[in-house]
Protein backbone atom coordinates (compact mmCIF):
# COMPACT_ATOMS: atom_id res chain seq x y z
CA MET A 1 0.04 0.12 -0.39
CA ASN A 2 1.14 3.57 -1.31
CA ILE A 3 0.40 5.70 1.82
CA VAL A 4 0.32 9.78 1.12
CA VAL A 5 0.79 11.74 4.65
CA CYS A 6 0.10 15.22 4.21
CA VAL A 7 2.45 17.35 7.37
CA LYS A 8 3.40 20.91 8.00
CA TYR A 9 6.18 23.18 9.36
CA VAL A 10 5.38 25.14 11.81
CA PRO A 11 7.31 27.85 13.91
CA ASP A 12 8.24 26.17 17.80
CA ALA A 13 5.73 26.46 19.78
CA GLN A 14 8.39 27.51 22.55
CA SER A 15 10.18 30.47 20.70
CA GLU A 16 7.91 33.62 20.89
CA ARG A 17 5.43 33.55 18.22
CA THR A 18 4.02 36.71 16.35
CA PHE A 19 2.37 38.07 13.43
CA ARG A 20 4.68 40.08 10.09
CA GLU A 21 3.80 43.68 10.26
CA SER A 22 4.15 44.01 6.52
CA ASP A 23 0.14 41.47 6.04
CA ARG A 24 -0.09 40.50 9.76
CA THR A 25 0.45 36.32 8.31
CA VAL A 26 2.19 34.19 10.47
CA ASP A 27 5.93 34.97 10.68
CA ARG A 28 8.19 31.60 9.74
CA GLU A 29 11.22 33.62 9.47
CA GLY A 30 12.07 34.89 12.81
CA VAL A 31 11.33 32.46 14.66
CA ASP A 32 12.58 28.97 14.67
CA GLY A 33 10.58 25.87 12.90
CA LEU A 34 9.93 22.29 12.79
CA LEU A 35 7.37 19.74 11.62
CA SER A 36 4.08 20.16 13.39
CA GLU A 37 4.16 17.86 16.47
CA LEU A 38 0.75 16.73 15.82
CA ASP A 39 1.96 15.67 11.99
CA GLU A 40 4.65 12.93 13.38
CA TYR A 41 1.73 10.83 14.77
CA ALA A 42 0.77 10.73 11.07
CA VAL A 43 4.19 9.72 10.01
CA GLU A 44 4.37 7.27 12.36
CA GLU A 45 0.86 5.34 11.94
CA ALA A 46 2.63 5.19 8.11
CA LEU A 47 5.77 3.79 8.73
CA LYS A 48 3.85 1.25 10.67
CA ILE A 49 0.99 0.39 8.43
CA VAL A 50 3.55 -0.54 5.93
CA GLU A 51 6.21 -2.18 8.37
CA ALA A 52 3.09 -4.40 9.06
CA ARG A 53 2.15 -5.55 5.55
CA GLY A 54 5.84 -6.29 4.58
CA GLU A 55 5.08 -4.06 1.12
CA GLY A 56 4.41 -0.98 -0.13
CA GLU A 57 5.87 2.51 0.52
CA VAL A 58 5.21 5.86 3.03
CA THR A 59 5.37 9.91 0.97
CA VAL A 60 5.24 11.98 2.18
CA LEU A 61 3.80 15.84 1.37
CA THR A 62 4.27 19.34 2.38
CA VAL A 63 3.11 23.05 1.60
CA GLY A 64 5.20 26.10 2.26
CA PRO A 65 8.45 27.82 2.24
CA ASP A 66 12.04 26.87 1.67
CA ALA A 67 12.34 26.07 5.14
CA ALA A 68 8.96 23.96 5.41
CA ALA A 69 12.23 21.02 3.77
CA ASP A 70 13.41 20.20 7.11
CA ALA A 71 9.74 19.22 7.97
CA ILE A 72 10.07 16.17 4.91
CA LYS A 73 13.86 15.49 5.62
CA LYS A 74 12.31 15.31 9.54
CA ALA A 75 10.07 12.72 7.95
CA LEU A 76 12.28 10.97 5.46
CA GLN A 77 14.68 10.30 9.03
CA MET A 78 12.17 9.39 11.09
CA GLY A 79 11.04 6.25 7.86
CA ALA A 80 9.19 8.04 5.41
CA HIS A 81 10.43 6.51 1.88
CA LYS A 82 10.28 10.05 -0.45
CA GLY A 83 8.66 13.60 -0.06
CA VAL A 84 7.17 16.35 -2.70
CA HIS A 85 7.61 20.13 -1.51
CA VAL A 86 4.89 22.57 -2.43
CA ASN A 87 6.95 25.90 -2.62
CA ASP A 88 5.41 28.75 -4.61
CA ALA A 89 5.80 32.21 -3.47
CA ALA A 90 1.81 33.09 -4.54
CA ILE A 91 0.77 30.24 -1.91
CA HIS A 92 2.23 32.44 1.06
CA GLY A 93 -0.41 33.65 3.01
CA SER A 94 -3.27 31.21 1.98
CA ASP A 95 -6.08 29.65 4.30
CA ALA A 96 -7.01 26.55 4.81
CA VAL A 97 -9.44 26.39 1.94
CA ALA A 98 -5.87 27.62 -0.96
CA THR A 99 -4.45 24.73 1.11
CA SER A 100 -6.80 21.90 1.08
CA LEU A 101 -6.85 22.84 -2.78
CA VAL A 102 -2.92 22.97 -2.99
CA LEU A 103 -2.55 19.85 -1.32
CA ALA A 104 -5.89 17.95 -3.20
CA GLU A 105 -3.79 18.63 -6.30
CA ALA A 106 0.01 17.68 -4.91
CA VAL A 107 -2.05 14.52 -3.39
CA LYS A 108 -3.03 13.69 -7.04
CA LYS A 109 -0.05 14.35 -8.56
CA ALA A 110 2.13 12.51 -6.67
CA THR A 111 -0.49 8.73 -6.99
CA GLY A 112 -1.74 9.62 -9.89
CA GLY A 113 -4.95 10.69 -9.21
CA SER A 114 -5.62 7.26 -7.73
CA PRO A 115 -4.77 7.53 -4.09
CA GLU A 116 -4.68 5.01 -1.44
CA LEU A 117 -4.82 6.35 1.15
CA VAL A 118 -3.65 9.64 2.61
CA LEU A 119 -3.14 10.64 6.92
CA THR A 120 -3.14 14.18 8.27
CA GLY A 121 -2.50 14.64 11.78
CA MET A 122 -6.04 16.18 13.92
CA SER A 123 -4.96 19.99 13.67
CA SER A 124 -1.48 21.81 13.00
CA THR A 125 -0.42 23.34 16.31
CA ASP A 126 -0.23 26.72 15.00
CA GLY A 127 -3.54 27.29 13.29
CA VAL A 128 -5.03 24.63 15.02
CA MET A 129 -8.24 24.71 12.88
CA GLY A 130 -8.72 21.09 12.26
CA VAL A 131 -9.91 21.37 9.12
CA VAL A 132 -8.30 20.87 6.19
CA PRO A 133 -8.58 16.51 6.45
CA ALA A 134 -12.39 17.38 5.41
CA MET A 135 -12.21 20.06 2.95
CA LEU A 136 -9.15 17.46 1.31
CA ALA A 137 -11.17 14.45 1.66
CA GLU A 138 -13.85 16.92 -0.35
CA ARG A 139 -11.96 17.90 -3.03
CA LEU A 140 -10.41 14.51 -3.56
CA GLY A 141 -13.82 12.54 -3.07
CA LEU A 142 -12.73 10.12 -0.12
CA PRO A 143 -14.08 9.31 2.78
CA GLN A 144 -13.30 10.74 5.56
CA VAL A 145 -12.62 9.23 8.89
CA THR A 146 -11.27 11.51 11.11
CA TYR A 147 -9.28 11.87 15.11
CA ALA A 148 -8.87 8.10 14.63
CA SER A 149 -6.84 7.01 17.89
CA GLU A 150 -6.93 3.43 16.31
CA LEU A 151 -6.27 1.96 13.09
CA THR A 152 -6.85 -0.90 11.87
CA LEU A 153 -7.44 -2.00 7.75
CA GLY A 154 -9.24 -4.74 5.99
CA ASP A 155 -10.03 -6.06 3.21
CA GLY A 156 -11.01 -2.78 1.43
CA THR A 157 -11.70 -1.01 4.28
CA VAL A 158 -10.28 1.23 7.25
CA THR A 159 -11.43 1.17 10.29
CA ILE A 160 -11.10 3.49 13.37
CA ARG A 161 -11.45 4.66 17.07
CA ARG A 162 -12.26 7.46 17.90
CA ASP A 163 -12.71 9.03 21.58
CA GLY A 164 -14.70 11.41 23.30
CA ASP A 165 -15.65 13.51 26.69
CA THR A 166 -17.91 10.69 27.28
CA ALA A 167 -18.26 7.46 24.80
CA SER A 168 -16.06 5.84 22.26
CA GLU A 169 -16.76 5.24 18.71
CA THR A 170 -15.93 2.86 15.98
CA ILE A 171 -16.30 3.59 12.64
CA GLU A 172 -15.64 1.99 9.32
CA ALA A 173 -15.14 3.83 5.94
CA SER A 174 -13.88 1.73 2.09
CA LEU A 175 -10.54 2.39 0.74
CA PRO A 176 -9.13 4.43 -0.40
CA ALA A 177 -10.18 6.69 2.23
CA LEU A 178 -8.48 9.67 4.04
CA VAL A 179 -7.59 9.46 8.35
CA SER A 180 -7.01 12.31 10.20
CA VAL A 181 -5.45 10.55 13.77
CA THR A 182 -4.83 11.84 17.33
CA ASP A 183 -1.65 12.25 19.56
CA GLN A 184 -2.93 9.06 21.26
CA ILE A 185 -2.64 6.75 18.60
CA ASN A 186 1.48 5.60 19.04
CA GLU A 187 4.18 7.30 20.37
CA PRO A 188 6.74 8.54 17.66
CA ARG A 189 10.04 7.05 16.42
CA TYR A 190 12.50 8.60 17.13
CA PRO A 191 15.30 9.26 14.31
CA SER A 192 17.84 6.52 14.51
CA PHE A 193 21.41 7.43 12.83
CA LYS A 194 21.17 5.21 10.26
CA GLY A 195 17.86 6.22 9.34
CA ILE A 196 19.36 10.21 9.37
CA MET A 197 22.26 8.91 6.87
CA ALA A 198 19.40 7.44 5.01
CA ALA A 199 17.45 10.39 4.24
CA LYS A 200 20.07 12.12 2.11
CA LYS A 201 20.08 10.29 -0.52
CA LYS A 202 16.00 9.89 -0.53
CA PRO A 203 14.00 11.91 -3.41
CA VAL A 204 12.55 14.85 -2.35
CA GLU A 205 10.16 16.71 -5.24
CA GLN A 206 9.87 20.17 -5.93
CA TRP A 207 6.76 21.31 -7.23
CA GLY A 208 5.23 24.57 -7.95
CA LEU A 209 1.42 25.95 -9.05
CA ALA A 210 2.06 25.78 -12.55
CA ASP A 211 2.91 22.33 -12.29
CA LEU A 212 -0.07 21.18 -10.02
CA GLY A 213 -2.26 23.48 -12.87
CA ILE A 214 -3.76 25.80 -10.02
CA ASP A 215 -3.84 29.03 -11.50
CA PRO A 216 -2.48 31.66 -8.73
CA SER A 217 -5.48 33.30 -8.45
CA LEU A 218 -6.50 30.89 -6.63
CA VAL A 219 -4.13 31.05 -3.57
CA GLY A 220 -2.53 33.22 -1.72
CA LEU A 221 -3.57 36.17 1.02
CA ASP A 222 -5.90 38.26 -1.61
CA ALA A 223 -8.11 34.79 -2.29
CA ALA A 224 -7.80 34.42 1.46
CA TRP A 225 -11.41 33.68 3.12
CA THR A 226 -9.84 34.97 6.11
CA SER A 227 -7.55 37.30 7.43
CA VAL A 228 -6.10 38.89 10.82
CA VAL A 229 -7.16 42.34 11.03
CA SER A 230 -5.19 43.31 14.14
CA PHE A 231 -3.23 41.84 16.19
CA ALA A 232 -1.30 43.36 20.01
CA LYS A 233 1.61 41.32 21.76
CA ARG A 234 0.54 39.84 24.95
CA PRO A 235 0.75 41.87 28.06
CA PRO A 236 3.09 41.09 30.61
CA ARG A 237 2.59 38.68 33.00
CA ALA A 238 0.94 41.37 36.34
CA GLN A 239 2.74 39.52 39.88
CA GLY A 240 0.52 37.83 41.70
CA GLN A 241 0.57 34.94 44.13
């Protein structure tokens, strides 16, 4: 089985995150970045599936600026087989709607139009919207099963367990499908020295909007349905007991 995992390069949550003064988009250059921690669980689950079945490959897909290549690099070090980096200046400022469009066309191109299984994290650690997996599934025409705490593949089906506050649900969908996973599904592995060295030889393709056949007017800040109107720094913490 060939699995596509969508990941995101995000500002480190431990750093002082802010917005750019020029266009009020997230400042991704003035802070350290990394592979979104919630996406590591999706990468790990994909690797576990391929290892258990003894065949297949994991393709890691990200959309972002030059530095986003580090997110792919981390996933390759974990064990993913190849990467795809969609990098185009026109994408800057895109919202969830435009991001899902770019991801959908990239998934189609990476899989020849026939994805078998698409995995994502349940949300990004910067935007924390959690809507892109559903939008992506709609664009791809795939059934979506979200917030999986457990995932099992059957004969042409995928079954997940979704844990809520008061109950757990078991949901089954036919393959191909899109699944978003939570941070309860597994424990992501640390890249080994062997994995770090092997990652240097793994292929990473770089595509722009032209490669995906996307009109630049459909993405970017000007096409965004949502944008930041204003922002202010958090006031210093007051003295207290």
